[in-house]
Full PDB file with SEQRES, HELIX, SHEET, SSBOND, CRYST1, ORIGX, SCALE, CONECT and MASTER records, all heavy atoms in Angstrom:
SEQRES   1 A   43  ILE LEU ILE THR GLY GLY CYS GLY PHE VAL GLY THR ASN          
SEQRES   2 A   43  ILE ALA LEU PHE LEU TYR ASN LYS LYS TYR LYS VAL ASN          
SEQRES   3 A   43  THR LEU ASP ASN PHE SER ARG LYS GLY SER LEU TYR ASN          
SEQRES   4 A   43  PHE LYS LEU LEU                                              
HELIX    1 AA1 PHE A    9  ASN A   20  1                                  12    
HELIX    2 AA2 SER A   36  LEU A   42  1                                   7    
SHEET    1 AA1 2 LEU A   2  THR A   4  0                                        
SHEET    2 AA1 2 ASN A  26  LEU A  28  1                                        
CRYST1    1.000    1.000    1.000  90.00  90.00  90.00 P 1           1          
ORIGX1      1.000000  0.000000  0.000000        0.00000                         
ORIGX2      0.000000  1.000000  0.000000        0.00000                         
ORIGX3      0.000000  0.000000  1.000000        0.00000                         
SCALE1      1.000000  0.000000  0.000000        0.00000                         
SCALE2      0.000000  1.000000  0.000000        0.00000                         
SCALE3      0.000000  0.000000  1.000000        0.00000                         
ATOM      1  N   ILE A   1       0.411   1.177  14.100  1.00  0.00           N  
ATOM      2  CA  ILE A   1       1.540   2.100  14.230  1.00  0.00           C  
ATOM      3  C   ILE A   1       1.381   3.258  13.257  1.00  0.00           C  
ATOM      4  O   ILE A   1       1.078   3.069  12.081  1.00  0.00           O  
ATOM      5  CB  ILE A   1       2.873   1.371  13.960  1.00  0.00           C  
ATOM      6  CG1 ILE A   1       3.070   0.233  14.963  1.00  0.00           C  
ATOM      7  CG2 ILE A   1       4.049   2.353  14.021  1.00  0.00           C  
ATOM      8  CD1 ILE A   1       4.306  -0.615  14.684  1.00  0.00           C  
ATOM      9  N   LEU A   2       1.617   4.478  13.753  1.00  0.00           N  
ATOM     10  CA  LEU A   2       1.679   5.674  12.903  1.00  0.00           C  
ATOM     11  C   LEU A   2       3.117   6.148  12.864  1.00  0.00           C  
ATOM     12  O   LEU A   2       3.781   6.253  13.899  1.00  0.00           O  
ATOM     13  CB  LEU A   2       0.794   6.792  13.473  1.00  0.00           C  
ATOM     14  CG  LEU A   2       0.870   8.124  12.711  1.00  0.00           C  
ATOM     15  CD1 LEU A   2       0.250   7.995  11.321  1.00  0.00           C  
ATOM     16  CD2 LEU A   2       0.187   9.251  13.500  1.00  0.00           C  
ATOM     17  N   ILE A   3       3.612   6.448  11.661  1.00  0.00           N  
ATOM     18  CA  ILE A   3       4.961   6.968  11.485  1.00  0.00           C  
ATOM     19  C   ILE A   3       4.865   8.381  10.938  1.00  0.00           C  
ATOM     20  O   ILE A   3       4.385   8.593   9.820  1.00  0.00           O  
ATOM     21  CB  ILE A   3       5.780   6.082  10.526  1.00  0.00           C  
ATOM     22  CG1 ILE A   3       5.857   4.644  11.069  1.00  0.00           C  
ATOM     23  CG2 ILE A   3       7.184   6.656  10.332  1.00  0.00           C  
ATOM     24  CD1 ILE A   3       6.462   3.657  10.092  1.00  0.00           C  
ATOM     25  N   THR A   4       5.296   9.359  11.723  1.00  0.00           N  
ATOM     26  CA  THR A   4       5.290  10.740  11.242  1.00  0.00           C  
ATOM     27  C   THR A   4       6.534  10.975  10.391  1.00  0.00           C  
ATOM     28  O   THR A   4       7.593  10.393  10.636  1.00  0.00           O  
ATOM     29  CB  THR A   4       5.259  11.750  12.399  1.00  0.00           C  
ATOM     30  OG1 THR A   4       6.511  11.719  13.095  1.00  0.00           O  
ATOM     31  CG2 THR A   4       4.128  11.427  13.367  1.00  0.00           C  
ATOM     32  N   GLY A   5       6.405  11.842   9.389  1.00  0.00           N  
ATOM     33  CA  GLY A   5       7.487  11.981   8.417  1.00  0.00           C  
ATOM     34  C   GLY A   5       7.646  10.700   7.624  1.00  0.00           C  
ATOM     35  O   GLY A   5       8.727  10.341   7.175  1.00  0.00           O  
ATOM     36  N   GLY A   6       6.507  10.026   7.424  1.00  0.00           N  
ATOM     37  CA  GLY A   6       6.510   8.669   6.892  1.00  0.00           C  
ATOM     38  C   GLY A   6       6.844   8.534   5.425  1.00  0.00           C  
ATOM     39  O   GLY A   6       7.027   7.416   4.942  1.00  0.00           O  
ATOM     40  N   CYS A   7       6.927   9.643   4.683  1.00  0.00           N  
ATOM     41  CA  CYS A   7       7.355   9.576   3.279  1.00  0.00           C  
ATOM     42  C   CYS A   7       8.761  10.136   3.098  1.00  0.00           C  
ATOM     43  O   CYS A   7       9.227  10.329   1.978  1.00  0.00           O  
ATOM     44  CB  CYS A   7       6.373  10.326   2.382  1.00  0.00           C  
ATOM     45  SG  CYS A   7       4.736   9.579   2.322  1.00  0.00           S  
ATOM     46  N   GLY A   8       9.417  10.405   4.212  1.00  0.00           N  
ATOM     47  CA  GLY A   8      10.821  10.776   4.150  1.00  0.00           C  
ATOM     48  C   GLY A   8      11.690   9.539   4.062  1.00  0.00           C  
ATOM     49  O   GLY A   8      11.199   8.405   4.071  1.00  0.00           O  
ATOM     50  N   PHE A   9      12.986   9.745   3.993  1.00  0.00           N  
ATOM     51  CA  PHE A   9      13.930   8.639   3.868  1.00  0.00           C  
ATOM     52  C   PHE A   9      13.799   7.634   5.019  1.00  0.00           C  
ATOM     53  O   PHE A   9      13.587   6.437   4.806  1.00  0.00           O  
ATOM     54  CB  PHE A   9      15.352   9.210   3.805  1.00  0.00           C  
ATOM     55  CG  PHE A   9      16.434   8.266   4.224  1.00  0.00           C  
ATOM     56  CD1 PHE A   9      16.620   7.053   3.567  1.00  0.00           C  
ATOM     57  CD2 PHE A   9      17.277   8.598   5.280  1.00  0.00           C  
ATOM     58  CE1 PHE A   9      17.626   6.175   3.957  1.00  0.00           C  
ATOM     59  CE2 PHE A   9      18.287   7.731   5.673  1.00  0.00           C  
ATOM     60  CZ  PHE A   9      18.458   6.516   5.011  1.00  0.00           C  
ATOM     61  N   VAL A  10      13.896   8.129   6.249  1.00  0.00           N  
ATOM     62  CA  VAL A  10      13.838   7.243   7.414  1.00  0.00           C  
ATOM     63  C   VAL A  10      12.442   6.659   7.571  1.00  0.00           C  
ATOM     64  O   VAL A  10      12.266   5.449   7.752  1.00  0.00           O  
ATOM     65  CB  VAL A  10      14.273   7.995   8.685  1.00  0.00           C  
ATOM     66  CG1 VAL A  10      14.044   7.130   9.926  1.00  0.00           C  
ATOM     67  CG2 VAL A  10      15.742   8.394   8.605  1.00  0.00           C  
ATOM     68  N   GLY A  11      11.433   7.513   7.491  1.00  0.00           N  
ATOM     69  CA  GLY A  11      10.057   7.066   7.709  1.00  0.00           C  
ATOM     70  C   GLY A  11       9.601   6.009   6.721  1.00  0.00           C  
ATOM     71  O   GLY A  11       8.950   5.028   7.099  1.00  0.00           O  
ATOM     72  N   THR A  12       9.926   6.188   5.451  1.00  0.00           N  
ATOM     73  CA  THR A  12       9.516   5.224   4.432  1.00  0.00           C  
ATOM     74  C   THR A  12      10.173   3.870   4.656  1.00  0.00           C  
ATOM     75  O   THR A  12       9.525   2.822   4.571  1.00  0.00           O  
ATOM     76  CB  THR A  12       9.866   5.737   3.022  1.00  0.00           C  
ATOM     77  OG1 THR A  12       9.237   7.000   2.804  1.00  0.00           O  
ATOM     78  CG2 THR A  12       9.392   4.755   1.951  1.00  0.00           C  
ATOM     79  N   ASN A  13      11.463   3.885   4.943  1.00  0.00           N  
ATOM     80  CA  ASN A  13      12.163   2.626   5.205  1.00  0.00           C  
ATOM     81  C   ASN A  13      11.581   1.902   6.409  1.00  0.00           C  
ATOM     82  O   ASN A  13      11.390   0.681   6.374  1.00  0.00           O  
ATOM     83  CB  ASN A  13      13.658   2.887   5.412  1.00  0.00           C  
ATOM     84  CG  ASN A  13      14.449   2.910   4.122  1.00  0.00           C  
ATOM     85  OD1 ASN A  13      14.743   1.873   3.545  1.00  0.00           O  
ATOM     86  ND2 ASN A  13      14.789   4.106   3.663  1.00  0.00           N  
ATOM     87  N   ILE A  14      11.283   2.649   7.463  1.00  0.00           N  
ATOM     88  CA  ILE A  14      10.693   2.028   8.653  1.00  0.00           C  
ATOM     89  C   ILE A  14       9.314   1.459   8.333  1.00  0.00           C  
ATOM     90  O   ILE A  14       8.973   0.339   8.740  1.00  0.00           O  
ATOM     91  CB  ILE A  14      10.599   3.049   9.806  1.00  0.00           C  
ATOM     92  CG1 ILE A  14      11.992   3.475  10.268  1.00  0.00           C  
ATOM     93  CG2 ILE A  14       9.820   2.457  10.991  1.00  0.00           C  
ATOM     94  CD1 ILE A  14      11.986   4.627  11.252  1.00  0.00           C  
ATOM     95  N   ALA A  15       8.518   2.226   7.605  1.00  0.00           N  
ATOM     96  CA  ALA A  15       7.162   1.778   7.261  1.00  0.00           C  
ATOM     97  C   ALA A  15       7.193   0.482   6.460  1.00  0.00           C  
ATOM     98  O   ALA A  15       6.437  -0.465   6.750  1.00  0.00           O  
ATOM     99  CB  ALA A  15       6.437   2.872   6.475  1.00  0.00           C  
ATOM    100  N   LEU A  16       8.051   0.425   5.449  1.00  0.00           N  
ATOM    101  CA  LEU A  16       8.141  -0.773   4.613  1.00  0.00           C  
ATOM    102  C   LEU A  16       8.678  -1.966   5.417  1.00  0.00           C  
ATOM    103  O   LEU A  16       8.219  -3.098   5.261  1.00  0.00           O  
ATOM    104  CB  LEU A  16       9.039  -0.507   3.408  1.00  0.00           C  
ATOM    105  CG  LEU A  16       8.489   0.494   2.390  1.00  0.00           C  
ATOM    106  CD1 LEU A  16       9.547   0.843   1.343  1.00  0.00           C  
ATOM    107  CD2 LEU A  16       7.228  -0.033   1.710  1.00  0.00           C  
ATOM    108  N   PHE A  17       9.635  -1.705   6.277  1.00  0.00           N  
ATOM    109  CA  PHE A  17      10.217  -2.766   7.110  1.00  0.00           C  
ATOM    110  C   PHE A  17       9.158  -3.355   8.050  1.00  0.00           C  
ATOM    111  O   PHE A  17       9.010  -4.576   8.146  1.00  0.00           O  
ATOM    112  CB  PHE A  17      11.388  -2.197   7.909  1.00  0.00           C  
ATOM    113  CG  PHE A  17      12.148  -3.215   8.714  1.00  0.00           C  
ATOM    114  CD1 PHE A  17      13.245  -3.857   8.180  1.00  0.00           C  
ATOM    115  CD2 PHE A  17      11.769  -3.533  10.006  1.00  0.00           C  
ATOM    116  CE1 PHE A  17      13.958  -4.802   8.919  1.00  0.00           C  
ATOM    117  CE2 PHE A  17      12.460  -4.471  10.752  1.00  0.00           C  
ATOM    118  CZ  PHE A  17      13.561  -5.106  10.202  1.00  0.00           C  
ATOM    119  N   LEU A  18       8.415  -2.494   8.743  1.00  0.00           N  
ATOM    120  CA  LEU A  18       7.413  -2.971   9.692  1.00  0.00           C  
ATOM    121  C   LEU A  18       6.218  -3.607   8.989  1.00  0.00           C  
ATOM    122  O   LEU A  18       5.603  -4.544   9.503  1.00  0.00           O  
ATOM    123  CB  LEU A  18       6.955  -1.821  10.593  1.00  0.00           C  
ATOM    124  CG  LEU A  18       8.035  -1.254  11.530  1.00  0.00           C  
ATOM    125  CD1 LEU A  18       7.469  -0.095  12.342  1.00  0.00           C  
ATOM    126  CD2 LEU A  18       8.594  -2.336  12.454  1.00  0.00           C  
ATOM    127  N   TYR A  19       5.896  -3.110   7.806  1.00  0.00           N  
ATOM    128  CA  TYR A  19       4.846  -3.734   6.993  1.00  0.00           C  
ATOM    129  C   TYR A  19       5.224  -5.188   6.687  1.00  0.00           C  
ATOM    130  O   TYR A  19       4.389  -6.092   6.781  1.00  0.00           O  
ATOM    131  CB  TYR A  19       4.655  -2.944   5.705  1.00  0.00           C  
ATOM    132  CG  TYR A  19       3.787  -3.628   4.676  1.00  0.00           C  
ATOM    133  CD1 TYR A  19       2.396  -3.505   4.708  1.00  0.00           C  
ATOM    134  CD2 TYR A  19       4.362  -4.401   3.659  1.00  0.00           C  
ATOM    135  CE1 TYR A  19       1.600  -4.137   3.760  1.00  0.00           C  
ATOM    136  CE2 TYR A  19       3.573  -5.029   2.712  1.00  0.00           C  
ATOM    137  CZ  TYR A  19       2.196  -4.892   2.764  1.00  0.00           C  
ATOM    138  OH  TYR A  19       1.417  -5.534   1.817  1.00  0.00           O  
ATOM    139  N   ASN A  20       6.489  -5.396   6.343  1.00  0.00           N  
ATOM    140  CA  ASN A  20       6.957  -6.747   6.049  1.00  0.00           C  
ATOM    141  C   ASN A  20       7.001  -7.631   7.293  1.00  0.00           C  
ATOM    142  O   ASN A  20       7.040  -8.862   7.178  1.00  0.00           O  
ATOM    143  CB  ASN A  20       8.337  -6.702   5.385  1.00  0.00           C  
ATOM    144  CG  ASN A  20       8.278  -6.157   3.972  1.00  0.00           C  
ATOM    145  OD1 ASN A  20       7.274  -6.313   3.279  1.00  0.00           O  
ATOM    146  ND2 ASN A  20       9.342  -5.507   3.531  1.00  0.00           N  
ATOM    147  N   LYS A  21       6.985  -7.002   8.472  1.00  0.00           N  
ATOM    148  CA  LYS A  21       6.929  -7.746   9.735  1.00  0.00           C  
ATOM    149  C   LYS A  21       5.485  -7.939  10.211  1.00  0.00           C  
ATOM    150  O   LYS A  21       5.239  -8.341  11.342  1.00  0.00           O  
ATOM    151  CB  LYS A  21       7.726  -7.013  10.815  1.00  0.00           C  
ATOM    152  CG  LYS A  21       9.219  -6.923  10.540  1.00  0.00           C  
ATOM    153  CD  LYS A  21       9.900  -8.279  10.606  1.00  0.00           C  
ATOM    154  CE  LYS A  21      11.410  -8.155  10.443  1.00  0.00           C  
ATOM    155  NZ  LYS A  21      12.091  -9.467  10.479  1.00  0.00           N  
ATOM    156  N   LYS A  22       4.534  -7.608   9.320  1.00  0.00           N  
ATOM    157  CA  LYS A  22       3.101  -7.846   9.550  1.00  0.00           C  
ATOM    158  C   LYS A  22       2.447  -6.875  10.538  1.00  0.00           C  
ATOM    159  O   LYS A  22       1.385  -7.146  11.070  1.00  0.00           O  
ATOM    160  CB  LYS A  22       2.840  -9.286  10.023  1.00  0.00           C  
ATOM    161  CG  LYS A  22       3.462 -10.367   9.136  1.00  0.00           C  
ATOM    162  CD  LYS A  22       3.016 -10.238   7.686  1.00  0.00           C  
ATOM    163  CE  LYS A  22       3.654 -11.323   6.809  1.00  0.00           C  
ATOM    164  NZ  LYS A  22       3.338 -11.145   5.371  1.00  0.00           N  
ATOM    165  N   TYR A  23       3.094  -5.722  10.770  1.00  0.00           N  
ATOM    166  CA  TYR A  23       2.434  -4.685  11.559  1.00  0.00           C  
ATOM    167  C   TYR A  23       1.486  -3.891  10.668  1.00  0.00           C  
ATOM    168  O   TYR A  23       1.728  -3.750   9.458  1.00  0.00           O  
ATOM    169  CB  TYR A  23       3.459  -3.730  12.169  1.00  0.00           C  
ATOM    170  CG  TYR A  23       4.196  -4.294  13.357  1.00  0.00           C  
ATOM    171  CD1 TYR A  23       5.512  -4.740  13.232  1.00  0.00           C  
ATOM    172  CD2 TYR A  23       3.593  -4.372  14.607  1.00  0.00           C  
ATOM    173  CE1 TYR A  23       6.199  -5.257  14.314  1.00  0.00           C  
ATOM    174  CE2 TYR A  23       4.287  -4.880  15.706  1.00  0.00           C  
ATOM    175  CZ  TYR A  23       5.577  -5.319  15.543  1.00  0.00           C  
ATOM    176  OH  TYR A  23       6.252  -5.828  16.624  1.00  0.00           O  
ATOM    177  N   LYS A  24       0.443  -3.350  11.265  1.00  0.00           N  
ATOM    178  CA  LYS A  24      -0.451  -2.441  10.544  1.00  0.00           C  
ATOM    179  C   LYS A  24       0.127  -1.035  10.650  1.00  0.00           C  
ATOM    180  O   LYS A  24       0.237  -0.488  11.749  1.00  0.00           O  
ATOM    181  CB  LYS A  24      -1.864  -2.480  11.110  1.00  0.00           C  
ATOM    182  CG  LYS A  24      -2.845  -1.632  10.313  1.00  0.00           C  
ATOM    183  CD  LYS A  24      -4.258  -1.739  10.860  1.00  0.00           C  
ATOM    184  CE  LYS A  24      -5.206  -0.845  10.046  1.00  0.00           C  
ATOM    185  NZ  LYS A  24      -6.597  -0.918  10.566  1.00  0.00           N  
ATOM    186  N   VAL A  25       0.504  -0.475   9.510  1.00  0.00           N  
ATOM    187  CA  VAL A  25       1.242   0.785   9.500  1.00  0.00           C  
ATOM    188  C   VAL A  25       0.507   1.844   8.685  1.00  0.00           C  
ATOM    189  O   VAL A  25       0.037   1.573   7.581  1.00  0.00           O  
ATOM    190  CB  VAL A  25       2.660   0.579   8.915  1.00  0.00           C  
ATOM    191  CG1 VAL A  25       3.423   1.892   8.892  1.00  0.00           C  
ATOM    192  CG2 VAL A  25       3.429  -0.470   9.704  1.00  0.00           C  
ATOM    193  N   ASN A  26       0.425   3.056   9.248  1.00  0.00           N  
ATOM    194  CA  ASN A  26       0.013   4.251   8.515  1.00  0.00           C  
ATOM    195  C   ASN A  26       1.141   5.268   8.604  1.00  0.00           C  
ATOM    196  O   ASN A  26       1.972   5.202   9.520  1.00  0.00           O  
ATOM    197  CB  ASN A  26      -1.256   4.874   9.093  1.00  0.00           C  
ATOM    198  CG  ASN A  26      -2.509   4.070   8.821  1.00  0.00           C  
ATOM    199  OD1 ASN A  26      -3.532   4.290   9.465  1.00  0.00           O  
ATOM    200  ND2 ASN A  26      -2.478   3.118   7.903  1.00  0.00           N  
ATOM    201  N   THR A  27       1.171   6.189   7.662  1.00  0.00           N  
ATOM    202  CA  THR A  27       2.174   7.250   7.710  1.00  0.00           C  
ATOM    203  C   THR A  27       1.493   8.621   7.677  1.00  0.00           C  
ATOM    204  O   THR A  27       0.338   8.758   7.278  1.00  0.00           O  
ATOM    205  CB  THR A  27       3.155   7.157   6.523  1.00  0.00           C  
ATOM    206  OG1 THR A  27       2.420   7.242   5.288  1.00  0.00           O  
ATOM    207  CG2 THR A  27       3.932   5.853   6.565  1.00  0.00           C  
ATOM    208  N   LEU A  28       2.261   9.614   8.112  1.00  0.00           N  
ATOM    209  CA  LEU A  28       1.818  11.005   8.077  1.00  0.00           C  
ATOM    210  C   LEU A  28       2.924  11.811   7.423  1.00  0.00           C  
ATOM    211  O   LEU A  28       4.077  11.759   7.845  1.00  0.00           O  
ATOM    212  CB  LEU A  28       1.549  11.495   9.498  1.00  0.00           C  
ATOM    213  CG  LEU A  28       1.089  12.945   9.703  1.00  0.00           C  
ATOM    214  CD1 LEU A  28       0.255  13.038  10.981  1.00  0.00           C  
ATOM    215  CD2 LEU A  28       2.268  13.926   9.810  1.00  0.00           C  
ATOM    216  N   ASP A  29       2.593  12.536   6.368  1.00  0.00           N  
ATOM    217  CA  ASP A  29       3.596  13.345   5.666  1.00  0.00           C  
ATOM    218  C   ASP A  29       2.876  14.374   4.800  1.00  0.00           C  
ATOM    219  O   ASP A  29       1.889  14.044   4.137  1.00  0.00           O  
ATOM    220  CB  ASP A  29       4.487  12.462   4.786  1.00  0.00           C  
ATOM    221  CG  ASP A  29       5.797  13.136   4.436  1.00  0.00           C  
ATOM    222  OD1 ASP A  29       5.793  14.131   3.693  1.00  0.00           O  
ATOM    223  OD2 ASP A  29       6.847  12.649   4.922  1.00  0.00           O  
ATOM    224  N   ASN A  30       3.363  15.606   4.811  1.00  0.00           N  
ATOM    225  CA  ASN A  30       2.708  16.658   4.023  1.00  0.00           C  
ATOM    226  C   ASN A  30       3.377  16.896   2.658  1.00  0.00           C  
ATOM    227  O   ASN A  30       3.040  17.854   1.957  1.00  0.00           O  
ATOM    228  CB  ASN A  30       2.654  17.969   4.814  1.00  0.00           C  
ATOM    229  CG  ASN A  30       4.028  18.569   5.067  1.00  0.00           C  
ATOM    230  OD1 ASN A  30       5.052  17.992   4.705  1.00  0.00           O  
ATOM    231  ND2 ASN A  30       4.063  19.720   5.709  1.00  0.00           N  
ATOM    232  N   PHE A  31       4.331  16.051   2.290  1.00  0.00           N  
ATOM    233  CA  PHE A  31       5.023  16.110   0.992  1.00  0.00           C  
ATOM    234  C   PHE A  31       5.788  17.414   0.791  1.00  0.00           C  
ATOM    235  O   PHE A  31       5.907  17.914  -0.329  1.00  0.00           O  
ATOM    236  CB  PHE A  31       4.046  15.922  -0.174  1.00  0.00           C  
ATOM    237  CG  PHE A  31       3.240  14.654  -0.111  1.00  0.00           C  
ATOM    238  CD1 PHE A  31       1.912  14.637  -0.524  1.00  0.00           C  
ATOM    239  CD2 PHE A  31       3.788  13.473   0.355  1.00  0.00           C  
ATOM    240  CE1 PHE A  31       1.163  13.469  -0.473  1.00  0.00           C  
ATOM    241  CE2 PHE A  31       3.054  12.308   0.411  1.00  0.00           C  
ATOM    242  CZ  PHE A  31       1.738  12.294  -0.005  1.00  0.00           C  
ATOM    243  N   SER A  32       6.324  17.969   1.855  1.00  0.00           N  
ATOM    244  CA  SER A  32       7.016  19.252   1.732  1.00  0.00           C  
ATOM    245  C   SER A  32       8.420  19.111   1.159  1.00  0.00           C  
ATOM    246  O   SER A  32       9.020  20.090   0.734  1.00  0.00           O  
ATOM    247  CB  SER A  32       7.094  19.944   3.097  1.00  0.00           C  
ATOM    248  OG  SER A  32       7.847  19.165   4.013  1.00  0.00           O  
ATOM    249  N   ARG A  33       8.951  17.889   1.143  1.00  0.00           N  
ATOM    250  CA  ARG A  33      10.323  17.690   0.679  1.00  0.00           C  
ATOM    251  C   ARG A  33      10.385  17.001  -0.673  1.00  0.00           C  
ATOM    252  O   ARG A  33       9.525  16.188  -1.000  1.00  0.00           O  
ATOM    253  CB  ARG A  33      11.084  16.818   1.684  1.00  0.00           C  
ATOM    254  CG  ARG A  33      11.324  17.495   3.004  1.00  0.00           C  
ATOM    255  CD  ARG A  33      12.237  16.646   3.828  1.00  0.00           C  
ATOM    256  NE  ARG A  33      12.400  17.208   5.155  1.00  0.00           N  
ATOM    257  CZ  ARG A  33      13.166  16.677   6.078  1.00  0.00           C  
ATOM    258  NH1 ARG A  33      13.828  15.570   5.815  1.00  0.00           N  
ATOM    259  NH2 ARG A  33      13.264  17.233   7.262  1.00  0.00           N  
ATOM    260  N   LYS A  34      11.433  17.319  -1.391  1.00  0.00           N  
ATOM    261  CA  LYS A  34      11.699  16.588  -2.629  1.00  0.00           C  
ATOM    262  C   LYS A  34      11.928  15.117  -2.288  1.00  0.00           C  
ATOM    263  O   LYS A  34      12.578  14.786  -1.316  1.00  0.00           O  
ATOM    264  CB  LYS A  34      12.949  17.145  -3.321  1.00  0.00           C  
ATOM    265  CG  LYS A  34      12.723  18.443  -4.066  1.00  0.00           C  
ATOM    266  CD  LYS A  34      13.964  18.816  -4.849  1.00  0.00           C  
ATOM    267  CE  LYS A  34      13.714  20.033  -5.726  1.00  0.00           C  
ATOM    268  NZ  LYS A  34      14.893  20.374  -6.544  1.00  0.00           N  
ATOM    269  N   GLY A  35      11.380  14.267  -3.078  1.00  0.00           N  
ATOM    270  CA  GLY A  35      11.552  12.837  -2.851  1.00  0.00           C  
ATOM    271  C   GLY A  35      10.412  12.192  -2.115  1.00  0.00           C  
ATOM    272  O   GLY A  35      10.225  10.975  -2.192  1.00  0.00           O  
ATOM    273  N   SER A  36       9.601  12.976  -1.405  1.00  0.00           N  
ATOM    274  CA  SER A  36       8.507  12.389  -0.624  1.00  0.00           C  
ATOM    275  C   SER A  36       7.444  11.765  -1.525  1.00  0.00           C  
ATOM    276  O   SER A  36       6.868  10.723  -1.179  1.00  0.00           O  
ATOM    277  CB  SER A  36       7.877  13.435   0.307  1.00  0.00           C  
ATOM    278  OG  SER A  36       7.379  14.534  -0.422  1.00  0.00           O  
ATOM    279  N   LEU A  37       7.197  12.360  -2.674  1.00  0.00           N  
ATOM    280  CA  LEU A  37       6.203  11.791  -3.594  1.00  0.00           C  
ATOM    281  C   LEU A  37       6.713  10.487  -4.211  1.00  0.00           C  
ATOM    282  O   LEU A  37       5.933   9.561  -4.443  1.00  0.00           O  
ATOM    283  CB  LEU A  37       5.854  12.798  -4.696  1.00  0.00           C  
ATOM    284  CG  LEU A  37       5.001  13.986  -4.248  1.00  0.00           C  
ATOM    285  CD1 LEU A  37       4.845  14.984  -5.389  1.00  0.00           C  
ATOM    286  CD2 LEU A  37       3.635  13.525  -3.762  1.00  0.00           C  
ATOM    287  N   TYR A  38       8.022  10.423  -4.450  1.00  0.00           N  
ATOM    288  CA  TYR A  38       8.621   9.178  -4.947  1.00  0.00           C  
ATOM    289  C   TYR A  38       8.422   8.063  -3.917  1.00  0.00           C  
ATOM    290  O   TYR A  38       7.994   6.955  -4.248  1.00  0.00           O  
ATOM    291  CB  TYR A  38      10.110   9.395  -5.220  1.00  0.00           C  
ATOM    292  CG  TYR A  38      10.847   8.143  -5.666  1.00  0.00           C  
ATOM    293  CD1 TYR A  38      10.992   7.841  -7.018  1.00  0.00           C  
ATOM    294  CD2 TYR A  38      11.408   7.274  -4.726  1.00  0.00           C  
ATOM    295  CE1 TYR A  38      11.667   6.696  -7.430  1.00  0.00           C  
ATOM    296  CE2 TYR A  38      12.082   6.129  -5.130  1.00  0.00           C  
ATOM    297  CZ  TYR A  38      12.213   5.843  -6.477  1.00  0.00           C  
ATOM    298  OH  TYR A  38      12.880   4.707  -6.870  1.00  0.00           O  
ATOM    299  N   ASN A  39       8.720   8.369  -2.656  1.00  0.00           N  
ATOM    300  CA  ASN A  39       8.578   7.378  -1.591  1.00  0.00           C  
ATOM    301  C   ASN A  39       7.113   7.027  -1.337  1.00  0.00           C  
ATOM    302  O   ASN A  39       6.783   5.879  -1.020  1.00  0.00           O  
ATOM    303  CB  ASN A  39       9.219   7.890  -0.307  1.00  0.00           C  
ATOM    304  CG  ASN A  39      10.741   7.920  -0.398  1.00  0.00           C  
ATOM    305  OD1 ASN A  39      11.332   7.235  -1.225  1.00  0.00           O  
ATOM    306  ND2 ASN A  39      11.365   8.708   0.455  1.00  0.00           N  
ATOM    307  N   PHE A  40       6.233   8.018  -1.498  1.00  0.00           N  
ATOM    308  CA  PHE A  40       4.808   7.779  -1.312  1.00  0.00           C  
ATOM    309  C   PHE A  40       4.293   6.696  -2.268  1.00  0.00           C  
ATOM    310  O   PHE A  40       3.470   5.850  -1.900  1.00  0.00           O  
ATOM    311  CB  PHE A  40       4.036   9.083  -1.525  1.00  0.00           C  
ATOM    312  CG  PHE A  40       2.543   8.901  -1.609  1.00  0.00           C  
ATOM    313  CD1 PHE A  40       1.815   8.477  -0.510  1.00  0.00           C  
ATOM    314  CD2 PHE A  40       1.872   9.154  -2.799  1.00  0.00           C  
ATOM    315  CE1 PHE A  40       0.438   8.307  -0.581  1.00  0.00           C  
ATOM    316  CE2 PHE A  40       0.500   8.983  -2.882  1.00  0.00           C  
ATOM    317  CZ  PHE A  40      -0.217   8.558  -1.770  1.00  0.00           C  
ATOM    318  N   LYS A  41       4.812   6.711  -3.491  1.00  0.00           N  
ATOM    319  CA  LYS A  41       4.392   5.705  -4.469  1.00  0.00           C  
ATOM    320  C   LYS A  41       4.772   4.295  -4.015  1.00  0.00           C  
ATOM    321  O   LYS A  41       4.030   3.337  -4.237  1.00  0.00           O  
ATOM    322  CB  LYS A  41       5.011   6.011  -5.829  1.00  0.00           C  
ATOM    323  CG  LYS A  41       4.477   7.273  -6.480  1.00  0.00           C  
ATOM    324  CD  LYS A  41       5.211   7.591  -7.776  1.00  0.00           C  
ATOM    325  CE  LYS A  41       4.733   8.912  -8.373  1.00  0.00           C  
ATOM    326  NZ  LYS A  41       5.503   9.259  -9.596  1.00  0.00           N  
ATOM    327  N   LEU A  42       5.917   4.182  -3.355  1.00  0.00           N  
ATOM    328  CA  LEU A  42       6.352   2.880  -2.836  1.00  0.00           C  
ATOM    329  C   LEU A  42       5.415   2.395  -1.734  1.00  0.00           C  
ATOM    330  O   LEU A  42       5.084   1.208  -1.661  1.00  0.00           O  
ATOM    331  CB  LEU A  42       7.782   2.975  -2.306  1.00  0.00           C  
ATOM    332  CG  LEU A  42       8.867   3.397  -3.297  1.00  0.00           C  
ATOM    333  CD1 LEU A  42      10.222   3.460  -2.592  1.00  0.00           C  
ATOM    334  CD2 LEU A  42       8.934   2.429  -4.473  1.00  0.00           C  
ATOM    335  N   LEU A  43       4.994   3.324  -0.881  1.00  0.00           N  
ATOM    336  CA  LEU A  43       4.073   2.965   0.190  1.00  0.00           C  
ATOM    337  C   LEU A  43       2.699   2.604  -0.370  1.00  0.00           C  
ATOM    338  O   LEU A  43       2.046   1.664   0.103  1.00  0.00           O  
ATOM    339  CB  LEU A  43       3.939   4.136   1.174  1.00  0.00           C  
ATOM    340  CG  LEU A  43       5.214   4.566   1.897  1.00  0.00           C  
ATOM    341  CD1 LEU A  43       4.943   5.777   2.769  1.00  0.00           C  
ATOM    342  CD2 LEU A  43       5.780   3.425   2.739  1.00  0.00           C  
TER     343      LEU A  43                                                      
MASTER        0    0    0    2    2    0    0    6  342    1    0    4          
END                                                                             
């Protein structure tokens, strides 16, 4: 699964949730928003 906007609020939560459900997850994000780097560290 690829999640676009994956370091945003919605995308990060979805990525972490699906990761915990054992899906193989990648994200796509250009870090244009404040907070995306914080969420990127979690991923």
